[in-house]
Amino acid sequence: MSGCEITVITRADCGLCTAAEAVVAAVAASRPVTVATVDVDADPELRAKYDWDVPVVLVDGRQVGFHRIDRARLERAVDSRLAARRA
């Protein structure tokens, strides 16, 4: 079974980012996914797009949440992508 990628766009000293990373880790623990963390301040394009919206969570490049990450919504997005890859 092929997995998918969860990307967390974050920044240093961000409490919401720490909370989002915990939600992502919990979802990723039971699924075949890879997790990448990207510092919004290290990439001018990402900063221009997401500066005030961090944390932002993407599943295979599609935004599924920002600010406060809803675990159930993230689980549905990941499970949907995994099911599509199996089909």
Protein backbone atom coordinates (compact mmCIF):
# COMPACT_ATOMS: atom_id res chain seq x y z
CA MET A 1 0.00 0.00 0.00
CA SER A 2 1.30 3.41 -0.97
CA GLY A 3 1.18 6.23 1.56
CA CYS A 4 0.73 9.96 1.35
CA GLU A 5 2.53 13.00 2.69
CA ILE A 6 1.38 15.36 5.41
CA THR A 7 3.16 18.71 5.38
CA VAL A 8 3.04 21.04 8.36
CA ILE A 9 3.91 24.64 7.60
CA THR A 10 5.06 26.10 10.88
CA ARG A 11 7.35 28.63 12.54
CA ALA A 12 9.47 28.81 15.67
CA ASP A 13 7.87 29.79 18.98
CA CYS A 14 4.33 29.12 17.77
CA GLY A 15 2.01 27.46 20.26
CA LEU A 16 -0.61 26.60 17.65
CA CYS A 17 2.16 25.02 15.55
CA THR A 18 3.20 22.80 18.44
CA ALA A 19 -0.42 21.72 18.91
CA ALA A 20 -0.79 21.03 15.16
CA GLU A 21 2.36 18.92 15.12
CA ALA A 22 0.93 16.81 17.97
CA VAL A 23 -2.33 16.24 16.05
CA VAL A 24 -0.39 15.31 12.90
CA ALA A 25 1.83 12.91 14.86
CA ALA A 26 -1.23 11.20 16.36
CA VAL A 27 -2.86 10.78 12.94
CA ALA A 28 0.39 9.64 11.30
CA ALA A 29 1.11 7.06 14.00
CA SER A 30 -1.48 4.62 12.65
CA ARG A 31 -1.24 5.32 8.92
CA PRO A 32 1.34 4.82 6.16
CA VAL A 33 2.25 8.50 5.81
CA THR A 34 5.36 10.61 5.80
CA VAL A 35 5.42 13.90 7.66
CA ALA A 36 7.40 16.94 6.57
CA THR A 37 7.72 20.11 8.60
CA VAL A 38 8.51 23.33 6.74
CA ASP A 39 9.48 26.64 8.36
CA VAL A 40 7.33 29.33 6.74
CA ASP A 41 9.98 31.96 7.53
CA ALA A 42 12.64 30.08 5.57
CA ASP A 43 10.76 30.27 2.26
CA PRO A 44 9.70 33.70 0.89
CA GLU A 45 6.94 32.20 -1.28
CA LEU A 46 5.41 30.26 1.61
CA ARG A 47 5.71 33.28 3.88
CA ALA A 48 3.90 35.46 1.32
CA LYS A 49 1.12 32.88 1.07
CA TYR A 50 0.73 31.65 4.66
CA ASP A 51 2.42 34.20 6.96
CA TRP A 52 -0.57 34.89 9.24
CA ASP A 53 -2.21 31.48 8.80
CA VAL A 54 0.38 29.15 10.36
CA PRO A 55 0.19 26.41 11.18
CA VAL A 56 -1.08 25.11 7.86
CA VAL A 57 -1.49 21.38 7.21
CA LEU A 58 -1.40 19.93 3.70
CA VAL A 59 -2.14 16.37 2.63
CA ASP A 60 -0.40 15.58 -0.65
CA GLY A 61 -0.16 19.31 -1.28
CA ARG A 62 -3.82 20.12 -0.57
CA GLN A 63 -4.61 22.35 2.37
CA VAL A 64 -6.83 20.61 4.93
CA GLY A 65 -6.52 23.02 7.83
CA PHE A 66 -4.88 26.02 9.40
CA HIS A 67 -4.59 27.62 12.84
CA ARG A 68 -6.32 24.98 15.01
CA ILE A 69 -6.09 21.59 13.31
CA ASP A 70 -9.15 19.36 13.64
CA ARG A 71 -8.01 15.77 14.10
CA ALA A 72 -11.17 14.21 12.64
CA ARG A 73 -10.94 16.37 9.52
CA LEU A 74 -7.28 15.49 9.06
CA GLU A 75 -8.03 11.79 9.52
CA ARG A 76 -10.78 11.96 6.87
CA ALA A 77 -8.47 13.75 4.43
CA VAL A 78 -5.63 11.27 4.93
CA ASP A 79 -7.92 8.23 4.76
CA SER A 80 -9.52 9.57 1.59
CA ARG A 81 -6.12 10.03 -0.09
CA LEU A 82 -4.99 6.56 1.00
CA ALA A 83 -8.21 4.99 -0.34
CA ALA A 84 -7.78 6.81 -3.66
CA ARG A 85 -4.25 5.44 -4.00
CA ARG A 86 -5.46 1.89 -3.36
CA ALA A 87 -8.20 2.18 -6.00
